[in-house]
Amino acid sequence: MKTLKEMIQTQPASSRRKIAKRIDQLISEEMTMRELRKARKITQAELAKALGVKQEQVSRSEKRADIHLSTLKRSVKAMGGSLTLVAEFPNSAPVKLSGFTDLTT
């Protein structure tokens, strides 16, 4: 029996590109803060400089299981993005949460 990797290698180049693109999409749907920073090709030192903190603080923040929304918002903004909070419930469309725009940075 062939492995998944072997089966993919037998596909035409166009199919392999589509598969690779979908894999990248799936991987990018959920990341830790560390993975997000690395995907953006930003070092801890660069992020720390953008945030006006020491590199050690970025390292500690990436290891935390719990983070303040204001810290998360600042970090994402420093990486060039913006933060959107979405609540999801069974049998209901996702709801974008508002009212967090006044978080101090």
PDB file of N, CA and C in Angstrom:
ATOM      1  N   MET A   1       0.842  -1.177   0.000  1.00  0.00           N
ATOM      2  CA  MET A   1       0.000   0.000   0.000  1.00  0.00           C
ATOM      3  C   MET A   1       0.890   1.243   0.000  1.00  0.00           C
ATOM      4  N   LYS A   2       0.549   2.222  -0.854  1.00  0.00           N
ATOM      5  CA  LYS A   2       1.320   3.460  -0.951  1.00  0.00           C
ATOM      6  C   LYS A   2       0.995   4.386   0.214  1.00  0.00           C
ATOM      7  N   THR A   3       2.004   5.158   0.603  1.00  0.00           N
ATOM      8  CA  THR A   3       1.778   6.176   1.623  1.00  0.00           C
ATOM      9  C   THR A   3       1.100   7.379   0.969  1.00  0.00           C
ATOM     10  N   LEU A   4       0.569   8.253   1.781  1.00  0.00           N
ATOM     11  CA  LEU A   4      -0.070   9.466   1.264  1.00  0.00           C
ATOM     12  C   LEU A   4       0.933  10.283   0.464  1.00  0.00           C
ATOM     13  N   LYS A   5       2.136  10.399   0.971  1.00  0.00           N
ATOM     14  CA  LYS A   5       3.177  11.154   0.269  1.00  0.00           C
ATOM     15  C   LYS A   5       3.451  10.555  -1.110  1.00  0.00           C
ATOM     16  N   GLU A   6       3.525   9.217  -1.184  1.00  0.00           N
ATOM     17  CA  GLU A   6       3.768   8.553  -2.466  1.00  0.00           C
ATOM     18  C   GLU A   6       2.604   8.775  -3.428  1.00  0.00           C
ATOM     19  N   MET A   7       1.384   8.738  -2.904  1.00  0.00           N
ATOM     20  CA  MET A   7       0.213   8.966  -3.761  1.00  0.00           C
ATOM     21  C   MET A   7       0.202  10.388  -4.307  1.00  0.00           C
ATOM     22  N   ILE A   8       0.556  11.348  -3.470  1.00  0.00           N
ATOM     23  CA  ILE A   8       0.584  12.741  -3.920  1.00  0.00           C
ATOM     24  C   ILE A   8       1.643  12.936  -4.996  1.00  0.00           C
ATOM     25  N   GLN A   9       2.801  12.278  -4.838  1.00  0.00           N
ATOM     26  CA  GLN A   9       3.888  12.422  -5.801  1.00  0.00           C
ATOM     27  C   GLN A   9       3.521  11.880  -7.180  1.00  0.00           C
ATOM     28  N   THR A  10       2.554  10.990  -7.251  1.00  0.00           N
ATOM     29  CA  THR A  10       2.154  10.432  -8.544  1.00  0.00           C
ATOM     30  C   THR A  10       1.148  11.329  -9.269  1.00  0.00           C
ATOM     31  N   GLN A  11       0.665  12.350  -8.606  1.00  0.00           N
ATOM     32  CA  GLN A  11      -0.320  13.259  -9.204  1.00  0.00           C
ATOM     33  C   GLN A  11       0.368  14.253 -10.144  1.00  0.00           C
ATOM     34  N   PRO A  12      -0.384  14.783 -11.111  1.00  0.00           N
ATOM     35  CA  PRO A  12       0.181  15.819 -11.989  1.00  0.00           C
ATOM     36  C   PRO A  12       0.602  17.042 -11.167  1.00  0.00           C
ATOM     37  N   ALA A  13       1.520  17.821 -11.714  1.00  0.00           N
ATOM     38  CA  ALA A  13       2.045  18.996 -11.002  1.00  0.00           C
ATOM     39  C   ALA A  13       0.929  19.950 -10.582  1.00  0.00           C
ATOM     40  N   SER A  14      -0.075  20.136 -11.435  1.00  0.00           N
ATOM     41  CA  SER A  14      -1.171  21.056 -11.097  1.00  0.00           C
ATOM     42  C   SER A  14      -1.939  20.558  -9.871  1.00  0.00           C
ATOM     43  N   SER A  15      -2.138  19.263  -9.771  1.00  0.00           N
ATOM     44  CA  SER A  15      -2.824  18.689  -8.610  1.00  0.00           C
ATOM     45  C   SER A  15      -1.969  18.819  -7.355  1.00  0.00           C
ATOM     46  N   ARG A  16      -0.660  18.593  -7.514  1.00  0.00           N
ATOM     47  CA  ARG A  16       0.233  18.729  -6.359  1.00  0.00           C
ATOM     48  C   ARG A  16       0.234  20.164  -5.841  1.00  0.00           C
ATOM     49  N   ARG A  17       0.184  21.137  -6.761  1.00  0.00           N
ATOM     50  CA  ARG A  17       0.131  22.545  -6.335  1.00  0.00           C
ATOM     51  C   ARG A  17      -1.157  22.831  -5.570  1.00  0.00           C
ATOM     52  N   LYS A  18      -2.289  22.306  -6.048  1.00  0.00           N
ATOM     53  CA  LYS A  18      -3.571  22.497  -5.366  1.00  0.00           C
ATOM     54  C   LYS A  18      -3.552  21.858  -3.978  1.00  0.00           C
ATOM     55  N   ILE A  19      -2.979  20.670  -3.902  1.00  0.00           N
ATOM     56  CA  ILE A  19      -2.887  19.966  -2.611  1.00  0.00           C
ATOM     57  C   ILE A  19      -2.014  20.767  -1.646  1.00  0.00           C
ATOM     58  N   ALA A  20      -0.874  21.258  -2.138  1.00  0.00           N
ATOM     59  CA  ALA A  20       0.029  22.041  -1.295  1.00  0.00           C
ATOM     60  C   ALA A  20      -0.645  23.323  -0.811  1.00  0.00           C
ATOM     61  N   LYS A  21      -1.404  23.958  -1.698  1.00  0.00           N
ATOM     62  CA  LYS A  21      -2.116  25.189  -1.328  1.00  0.00           C
ATOM     63  C   LYS A  21      -3.148  24.899  -0.239  1.00  0.00           C
ATOM     64  N   ARG A  22      -3.878  23.804  -0.387  1.00  0.00           N
ATOM     65  CA  ARG A  22      -4.892  23.443   0.615  1.00  0.00           C
ATOM     66  C   ARG A  22      -4.244  23.080   1.946  1.00  0.00           C
ATOM     67  N   ILE A  23      -3.121  22.399   1.906  1.00  0.00           N
ATOM     68  CA  ILE A  23      -2.397  22.071   3.136  1.00  0.00           C
ATOM     69  C   ILE A  23      -1.987  23.359   3.846  1.00  0.00           C
ATOM     70  N   ASP A  24      -1.459  24.322   3.081  1.00  0.00           N
ATOM     71  CA  ASP A  24      -1.076  25.608   3.666  1.00  0.00           C
ATOM     72  C   ASP A  24      -2.277  26.309   4.290  1.00  0.00           C
ATOM     73  N   GLN A  25      -3.439  26.244   3.626  1.00  0.00           N
ATOM     74  CA  GLN A  25      -4.654  26.863   4.169  1.00  0.00           C
ATOM     75  C   GLN A  25      -5.048  26.208   5.486  1.00  0.00           C
ATOM     76  N   LEU A  26      -5.035  24.888   5.519  1.00  0.00           N
ATOM     77  CA  LEU A  26      -5.419  24.173   6.736  1.00  0.00           C
ATOM     78  C   LEU A  26      -4.466  24.474   7.885  1.00  0.00           C
ATOM     79  N   ILE A  27      -3.191  24.521   7.579  1.00  0.00           N
ATOM     80  CA  ILE A  27      -2.211  24.822   8.610  1.00  0.00           C
ATOM     81  C   ILE A  27      -2.397  26.239   9.127  1.00  0.00           C
ATOM     82  N   SER A  28      -2.712  27.170   8.239  1.00  0.00           N
ATOM     83  CA  SER A  28      -2.823  28.565   8.642  1.00  0.00           C
ATOM     84  C   SER A  28      -4.112  28.881   9.393  1.00  0.00           C
ATOM     85  N   GLU A  29      -5.065  27.967   9.428  1.00  0.00           N
ATOM     86  CA  GLU A  29      -6.330  28.238  10.094  1.00  0.00           C
ATOM     87  C   GLU A  29      -6.203  28.273  11.608  1.00  0.00           C
ATOM     88  N   GLU A  30      -5.183  27.650  12.159  1.00  0.00           N
ATOM     89  CA  GLU A  30      -4.987  27.668  13.594  1.00  0.00           C
ATOM     90  C   GLU A  30      -3.497  27.683  13.890  1.00  0.00           C
ATOM     91  N   MET A  31      -3.076  28.689  14.638  1.00  0.00           N
ATOM     92  CA  MET A  31      -1.667  28.819  14.988  1.00  0.00           C
ATOM     93  C   MET A  31      -1.535  29.369  16.395  1.00  0.00           C
ATOM     94  N   THR A  32      -0.441  29.024  17.021  1.00  0.00           N
ATOM     95  CA  THR A  32      -0.088  29.672  18.278  1.00  0.00           C
ATOM     96  C   THR A  32       0.474  31.051  17.935  1.00  0.00           C
ATOM     97  N   MET A  33       0.635  31.891  18.939  1.00  0.00           N
ATOM     98  CA  MET A  33       1.234  33.200  18.686  1.00  0.00           C
ATOM     99  C   MET A  33       2.656  33.051  18.142  1.00  0.00           C
ATOM    100  N   ARG A  34       3.384  32.077  18.661  1.00  0.00           N
ATOM    101  CA  ARG A  34       4.747  31.827  18.179  1.00  0.00           C
ATOM    102  C   ARG A  34       4.725  31.422  16.702  1.00  0.00           C
ATOM    103  N   GLU A  35       3.832  30.511  16.349  1.00  0.00           N
ATOM    104  CA  GLU A  35       3.733  30.063  14.959  1.00  0.00           C
ATOM    105  C   GLU A  35       3.318  31.217  14.046  1.00  0.00           C
ATOM    106  N   LEU A  36       2.403  32.058  14.535  1.00  0.00           N
ATOM    107  CA  LEU A  36       1.962  33.209  13.749  1.00  0.00           C
ATOM    108  C   LEU A  36       3.131  34.165  13.503  1.00  0.00           C
ATOM    109  N   ARG A  37       3.897  34.452  14.553  1.00  0.00           N
ATOM    110  CA  ARG A  37       5.051  35.346  14.413  1.00  0.00           C
ATOM    111  C   ARG A  37       6.047  34.772  13.412  1.00  0.00           C
ATOM    112  N   LYS A  38       6.326  33.468  13.529  1.00  0.00           N
ATOM    113  CA  LYS A  38       7.280  32.839  12.620  1.00  0.00           C
ATOM    114  C   LYS A  38       6.752  32.816  11.177  1.00  0.00           C
ATOM    115  N   ALA A  39       5.464  32.578  11.016  1.00  0.00           N
ATOM    116  CA  ALA A  39       4.868  32.577   9.673  1.00  0.00           C
ATOM    117  C   ALA A  39       4.981  33.954   9.028  1.00  0.00           C
ATOM    118  N   ARG A  40       4.948  34.984   9.859  1.00  0.00           N
ATOM    119  CA  ARG A  40       5.094  36.354   9.363  1.00  0.00           C
ATOM    120  C   ARG A  40       6.568  36.725   9.170  1.00  0.00           C
ATOM    121  N   LYS A  41       7.470  35.767   9.504  1.00  0.00           N
ATOM    122  CA  LYS A  41       8.919  35.953   9.365  1.00  0.00           C
ATOM    123  C   LYS A  41       9.408  37.142  10.194  1.00  0.00           C
ATOM    124  N   ILE A  42       8.943  37.171  11.450  1.00  0.00           N
ATOM    125  CA  ILE A  42       9.328  38.210  12.395  1.00  0.00           C
ATOM    126  C   ILE A  42      10.009  37.531  13.577  1.00  0.00           C
ATOM    127  N   THR A  43      11.142  38.052  13.989  1.00  0.00           N
ATOM    128  CA  THR A  43      11.840  37.485  15.147  1.00  0.00           C
ATOM    129  C   THR A  43      11.229  38.044  16.428  1.00  0.00           C
ATOM    130  N   GLN A  44      11.511  37.372  17.533  1.00  0.00           N
ATOM    131  CA  GLN A  44      11.053  37.882  18.826  1.00  0.00           C
ATOM    132  C   GLN A  44      11.643  39.261  19.081  1.00  0.00           C
ATOM    133  N   ALA A  45      12.893  39.460  18.710  1.00  0.00           N
ATOM    134  CA  ALA A  45      13.553  40.754  18.923  1.00  0.00           C
ATOM    135  C   ALA A  45      12.868  41.851  18.106  1.00  0.00           C
ATOM    136  N   GLU A  46      12.508  41.544  16.869  1.00  0.00           N
ATOM    137  CA  GLU A  46      11.830  42.534  16.024  1.00  0.00           C
ATOM    138  C   GLU A  46      10.452  42.882  16.585  1.00  0.00           C
ATOM    139  N   LEU A  47       9.722  41.863  17.029  1.00  0.00           N
ATOM    140  CA  LEU A  47       8.403  42.113  17.602  1.00  0.00           C
ATOM    141  C   LEU A  47       8.530  42.909  18.892  1.00  0.00           C
ATOM    142  N   ALA A  48       9.508  42.556  19.706  1.00  0.00           N
ATOM    143  CA  ALA A  48       9.729  43.278  20.959  1.00  0.00           C
ATOM    144  C   ALA A  48      10.013  44.751  20.687  1.00  0.00           C
ATOM    145  N   LYS A  49      10.831  45.025  19.685  1.00  0.00           N
ATOM    146  CA  LYS A  49      11.146  46.416  19.337  1.00  0.00           C
ATOM    147  C   LYS A  49       9.892  47.157  18.903  1.00  0.00           C
ATOM    148  N   ALA A  50       9.067  46.514  18.078  1.00  0.00           N
ATOM    149  CA  ALA A  50       7.824  47.144  17.606  1.00  0.00           C
ATOM    150  C   ALA A  50       6.855  47.411  18.761  1.00  0.00           C
ATOM    151  N   LEU A  51       6.891  46.544  19.774  1.00  0.00           N
ATOM    152  CA  LEU A  51       6.006  46.690  20.927  1.00  0.00           C
ATOM    153  C   LEU A  51       6.598  47.573  22.022  1.00  0.00           C
ATOM    154  N   GLY A  52       7.887  47.861  21.915  1.00  0.00           N
ATOM    155  CA  GLY A  52       8.545  48.662  22.937  1.00  0.00           C
ATOM    156  C   GLY A  52       8.778  47.900  24.233  1.00  0.00           C
ATOM    157  N   VAL A  53       9.032  46.583  24.100  1.00  0.00           N
ATOM    158  CA  VAL A  53       9.288  45.737  25.271  1.00  0.00           C
ATOM    159  C   VAL A  53      10.575  44.961  25.023  1.00  0.00           C
ATOM    160  N   LYS A  54      11.018  44.218  26.023  1.00  0.00           N
ATOM    161  CA  LYS A  54      12.205  43.376  25.877  1.00  0.00           C
ATOM    162  C   LYS A  54      11.830  42.058  25.199  1.00  0.00           C
ATOM    163  N   GLN A  55      12.794  41.447  24.526  1.00  0.00           N
ATOM    164  CA  GLN A  55      12.578  40.179  23.831  1.00  0.00           C
ATOM    165  C   GLN A  55      12.080  39.112  24.795  1.00  0.00           C
ATOM    166  N   GLU A  56      12.573  39.126  26.016  1.00  0.00           N
ATOM    167  CA  GLU A  56      12.159  38.132  27.007  1.00  0.00           C
ATOM    168  C   GLU A  56      10.658  38.193  27.272  1.00  0.00           C
ATOM    169  N   GLN A  57      10.098  39.399  27.214  1.00  0.00           N
ATOM    170  CA  GLN A  57       8.660  39.551  27.440  1.00  0.00           C
ATOM    171  C   GLN A  57       7.860  38.903  26.306  1.00  0.00           C
ATOM    172  N   VAL A  58       8.343  39.029  25.080  1.00  0.00           N
ATOM    173  CA  VAL A  58       7.682  38.376  23.946  1.00  0.00           C
ATOM    174  C   VAL A  58       7.754  36.865  24.126  1.00  0.00           C
ATOM    175  N   SER A  59       8.916  36.366  24.523  1.00  0.00           N
ATOM    176  CA  SER A  59       9.090  34.932  24.741  1.00  0.00           C
ATOM    177  C   SER A  59       8.116  34.416  25.801  1.00  0.00           C
ATOM    178  N   ARG A  60       8.023  35.118  26.921  1.00  0.00           N
ATOM    179  CA  ARG A  60       7.101  34.704  27.992  1.00  0.00           C
ATOM    180  C   ARG A  60       5.649  34.750  27.515  1.00  0.00           C
ATOM    181  N   SER A  61       5.318  35.783  26.765  1.00  0.00           N
ATOM    182  CA  SER A  61       3.950  35.941  26.270  1.00  0.00           C
ATOM    183  C   SER A  61       3.563  34.784  25.343  1.00  0.00           C
ATOM    184  N   GLU A  62       4.506  34.338  24.516  1.00  0.00           N
ATOM    185  CA  GLU A  62       4.226  33.248  23.582  1.00  0.00           C
ATOM    186  C   GLU A  62       4.014  31.917  24.304  1.00  0.00           C
ATOM    187  N   LYS A  63       4.531  31.793  25.495  1.00  0.00           N
ATOM    188  CA  LYS A  63       4.398  30.544  26.251  1.00  0.00           C
ATOM    189  C   LYS A  63       3.156  30.514  27.128  1.00  0.00           C
ATOM    190  N   ARG A  64       2.505  31.652  27.279  1.00  0.00           N
ATOM    191  CA  ARG A  64       1.340  31.736  28.157  1.00  0.00           C
ATOM    192  C   ARG A  64       0.123  31.052  27.535  1.00  0.00           C
ATOM    193  N   ALA A  65      -0.663  30.414  28.374  1.00  0.00           N
ATOM    194  CA  ALA A  65      -1.914  29.809  27.919  1.00  0.00           C
ATOM    195  C   ALA A  65      -3.046  30.833  27.955  1.00  0.00           C
ATOM    196  N   ASP A  66      -2.833  31.924  28.692  1.00  0.00           N
ATOM    197  CA  ASP A  66      -3.851  32.956  28.857  1.00  0.00           C
ATOM    198  C   ASP A  66      -3.192  34.299  28.577  1.00  0.00           C
ATOM    199  N   ILE A  67      -3.850  35.147  27.798  1.00  0.00           N
ATOM    200  CA  ILE A  67      -3.263  36.424  27.420  1.00  0.00           C
ATOM    201  C   ILE A  67      -4.356  37.488  27.422  1.00  0.00           C
ATOM    202  N   HIS A  68      -4.029  38.694  27.818  1.00  0.00           N
ATOM    203  CA  HIS A  68      -4.994  39.792  27.782  1.00  0.00           C
ATOM    204  C   HIS A  68      -5.327  40.126  26.338  1.00  0.00           C
ATOM    205  N   LEU A  69      -6.557  40.503  26.104  1.00  0.00           N
ATOM    206  CA  LEU A  69      -6.951  40.898  24.748  1.00  0.00           C
ATOM    207  C   LEU A  69      -6.130  42.081  24.262  1.00  0.00           C
ATOM    208  N   SER A  70      -5.847  43.022  25.149  1.00  0.00           N
ATOM    209  CA  SER A  70      -5.069  44.199  24.749  1.00  0.00           C
ATOM    210  C   SER A  70      -3.663  43.793  24.298  1.00  0.00           C
ATOM    211  N   THR A  71      -3.053  42.825  24.974  1.00  0.00           N
ATOM    212  CA  THR A  71      -1.730  42.337  24.586  1.00  0.00           C
ATOM    213  C   THR A  71      -1.793  41.626  23.245  1.00  0.00           C
ATOM    214  N   LEU A  72      -2.812  40.803  23.070  1.00  0.00           N
ATOM    215  CA  LEU A  72      -2.997  40.090  21.805  1.00  0.00           C
ATOM    216  C   LEU A  72      -3.203  41.075  20.663  1.00  0.00           C
ATOM    217  N   LYS A  73      -4.051  42.081  20.894  1.00  0.00           N
ATOM    218  CA  LYS A  73      -4.330  43.085  19.871  1.00  0.00           C
ATOM    219  C   LYS A  73      -3.061  43.843  19.487  1.00  0.00           C
ATOM    220  N   ARG A  74      -2.282  44.255  20.488  1.00  0.00           N
ATOM    221  CA  ARG A  74      -1.032  44.973  20.219  1.00  0.00           C
ATOM    222  C   ARG A  74      -0.051  44.111  19.440  1.00  0.00           C
ATOM    223  N   SER A  75       0.057  42.842  19.812  1.00  0.00           N
ATOM    224  CA  SER A  75       0.993  41.938  19.142  1.00  0.00           C
ATOM    225  C   SER A  75       0.608  41.718  17.685  1.00  0.00           C
ATOM    226  N   VAL A  76      -0.656  41.468  17.443  1.00  0.00           N
ATOM    227  CA  VAL A  76      -1.125  41.255  16.071  1.00  0.00           C
ATOM    228  C   VAL A  76      -0.921  42.524  15.242  1.00  0.00           C
ATOM    229  N   LYS A  77      -1.219  43.673  15.832  1.00  0.00           N
ATOM    230  CA  LYS A  77      -1.027  44.951  15.131  1.00  0.00           C
ATOM    231  C   LYS A  77       0.448  45.167  14.810  1.00  0.00           C
ATOM    232  N   ALA A  78       1.333  44.837  15.754  1.00  0.00           N
ATOM    233  CA  ALA A  78       2.773  44.995  15.535  1.00  0.00           C
ATOM    234  C   ALA A  78       3.276  44.088  14.415  1.00  0.00           C
ATOM    235  N   MET A  79       2.565  42.984  14.163  1.00  0.00           N
ATOM    236  CA  MET A  79       2.933  42.079  13.069  1.00  0.00           C
ATOM    237  C   MET A  79       2.307  42.503  11.751  1.00  0.00           C
ATOM    238  N   GLY A  80       1.538  43.597  11.780  1.00  0.00           N
ATOM    239  CA  GLY A  80       0.942  44.118  10.549  1.00  0.00           C
ATOM    240  C   GLY A  80      -0.493  43.697  10.327  1.00  0.00           C
ATOM    241  N   GLY A  81      -1.122  43.095  11.335  1.00  0.00           N
ATOM    242  CA  GLY A  81      -2.494  42.623  11.175  1.00  0.00           C
ATOM    243  C   GLY A  81      -3.477  43.362  12.059  1.00  0.00           C
ATOM    244  N   SER A  82      -4.670  42.851  12.094  1.00  0.00           N
ATOM    245  CA  SER A  82      -5.695  43.381  12.992  1.00  0.00           C
ATOM    246  C   SER A  82      -6.411  42.196  13.618  1.00  0.00           C
ATOM    247  N   LEU A  83      -6.976  42.424  14.789  1.00  0.00           N
ATOM    248  CA  LEU A  83      -7.620  41.355  15.534  1.00  0.00           C
ATOM    249  C   LEU A  83      -9.129  41.479  15.444  1.00  0.00           C
ATOM    250  N   THR A  84      -9.787  40.367  15.133  1.00  0.00           N
ATOM    251  CA  THR A  84     -11.239  40.301  15.111  1.00  0.00           C
ATOM    252  C   THR A  84     -11.655  39.146  16.007  1.00  0.00           C
ATOM    253  N   LEU A  85     -12.617  39.396  16.885  1.00  0.00           N
ATOM    254  CA  LEU A  85     -13.124  38.344  17.765  1.00  0.00           C
ATOM    255  C   LEU A  85     -14.456  37.844  17.226  1.00  0.00           C
ATOM    256  N   VAL A  86     -14.573  36.529  17.125  1.00  0.00           N
ATOM    257  CA  VAL A  86     -15.788  35.918  16.585  1.00  0.00           C
ATOM    258  C   VAL A  86     -16.272  34.851  17.559  1.00  0.00           C
ATOM    259  N   ALA A  87     -17.545  34.934  17.901  1.00  0.00           N
ATOM    260  CA  ALA A  87     -18.165  33.910  18.747  1.00  0.00           C
ATOM    261  C   ALA A  87     -18.906  32.943  17.837  1.00  0.00           C
ATOM    262  N   GLU A  88     -18.717  31.645  18.077  1.00  0.00           N
ATOM    263  CA  GLU A  88     -19.381  30.619  17.271  1.00  0.00           C
ATOM    264  C   GLU A  88     -20.239  29.749  18.173  1.00  0.00           C
ATOM    265  N   PHE A  89     -21.453  29.480  17.720  1.00  0.00           N
ATOM    266  CA  PHE A  89     -22.401  28.661  18.457  1.00  0.00           C
ATOM    267  C   PHE A  89     -22.975  27.595  17.528  1.00  0.00           C
ATOM    268  N   PRO A  90     -23.348  26.440  18.079  1.00  0.00           N
ATOM    269  CA  PRO A  90     -23.977  25.412  17.244  1.00  0.00           C
ATOM    270  C   PRO A  90     -25.270  25.954  16.624  1.00  0.00           C
ATOM    271  N   ASN A  91     -25.534  25.544  15.421  1.00  0.00           N
ATOM    272  CA  ASN A  91     -26.780  25.887  14.720  1.00  0.00           C
ATOM    273  C   ASN A  91     -27.003  27.386  14.594  1.00  0.00           C
ATOM    274  N   SER A  92     -25.913  28.144  14.484  1.00  0.00           N
ATOM    275  CA  SER A  92     -26.026  29.594  14.373  1.00  0.00           C
ATOM    276  C   SER A  92     -24.831  30.123  13.590  1.00  0.00           C
ATOM    277  N   ALA A  93     -25.053  31.218  12.900  1.00  0.00           N
ATOM    278  CA  ALA A  93     -23.954  31.840  12.166  1.00  0.00           C
ATOM    279  C   ALA A  93     -22.979  32.471  13.154  1.00  0.00           C
ATOM    280  N   PRO A  94     -21.699  32.531  12.801  1.00  0.00           N
ATOM    281  CA  PRO A  94     -20.725  33.195  13.673  1.00  0.00           C
ATOM    282  C   PRO A  94     -21.099  34.655  13.894  1.00  0.00           C
ATOM    283  N   VAL A  95     -20.768  35.167  15.069  1.00  0.00           N
ATOM    284  CA  VAL A  95     -21.076  36.556  15.424  1.00  0.00           C
ATOM    285  C   VAL A  95     -19.773  37.281  15.708  1.00  0.00           C
ATOM    286  N   LYS A  96     -19.526  38.376  14.982  1.00  0.00           N
ATOM    287  CA  LYS A  96     -18.345  39.193  15.212  1.00  0.00           C
ATOM    288  C   LYS A  96     -18.615  40.064  16.436  1.00  0.00           C
ATOM    289  N   LEU A  97     -17.735  39.991  17.420  1.00  0.00           N
ATOM    290  CA  LEU A  97     -17.901  40.767  18.642  1.00  0.00           C
ATOM    291  C   LEU A  97     -17.304  42.151  18.457  1.00  0.00           C
ATOM    292  N   SER A  98     -18.028  43.148  18.907  1.00  0.00           N
ATOM    293  CA  SER A  98     -17.540  44.524  18.801  1.00  0.00           C
ATOM    294  C   SER A  98     -17.411  45.120  20.194  1.00  0.00           C
ATOM    295  N   GLY A  99     -16.950  46.352  20.262  1.00  0.00           N
ATOM    296  CA  GLY A  99     -16.813  47.027  21.534  1.00  0.00           C
ATOM    297  C   GLY A  99     -15.432  46.874  22.145  1.00  0.00           C
ATOM    298  N   PHE A 100     -14.515  46.242  21.412  1.00  0.00           N
ATOM    299  CA  PHE A 100     -13.152  46.064  21.914  1.00  0.00           C
ATOM    300  C   PHE A 100     -12.195  47.051  21.270  1.00  0.00           C
ATOM    301  N   THR A 101     -12.723  47.991  20.485  1.00  0.00           N
ATOM    302  CA  THR A 101     -11.857  48.931  19.775  1.00  0.00           C
ATOM    303  C   THR A 101     -11.235  49.950  20.698  1.00  0.00           C
ATOM    304  N   ASP A 102     -11.771  50.119  21.890  1.00  0.00           N
ATOM    305  CA  ASP A 102     -11.227  51.115  22.813  1.00  0.00           C
ATOM    306  C   ASP A 102     -10.193  50.539  23.758  1.00  0.00           C
ATOM    307  N   LEU A 103      -9.724  49.313  23.492  1.00  0.00           N
ATOM    308  CA  LEU A 103      -8.694  48.727  24.338  1.00  0.00           C
ATOM    309  C   LEU A 103      -7.452  49.592  24.280  1.00  0.00           C
ATOM    310  N   THR A 104      -6.872  49.886  25.412  1.00  0.00           N
ATOM    311  CA  THR A 104      -5.663  50.696  25.423  1.00  0.00           C
ATOM    312  C   THR A 104      -4.502  49.896  24.874  1.00  0.00           C
ATOM    313  N   THR A 105      -3.620  50.559  24.144  1.00  0.00           N
ATOM    314  CA  THR A 105      -2.470  49.873  23.553  1.00  0.00           C
ATOM    315  C   THR A 105      -1.174  50.399  24.086  1.00  0.00           C
TER     316      THR A 105
END
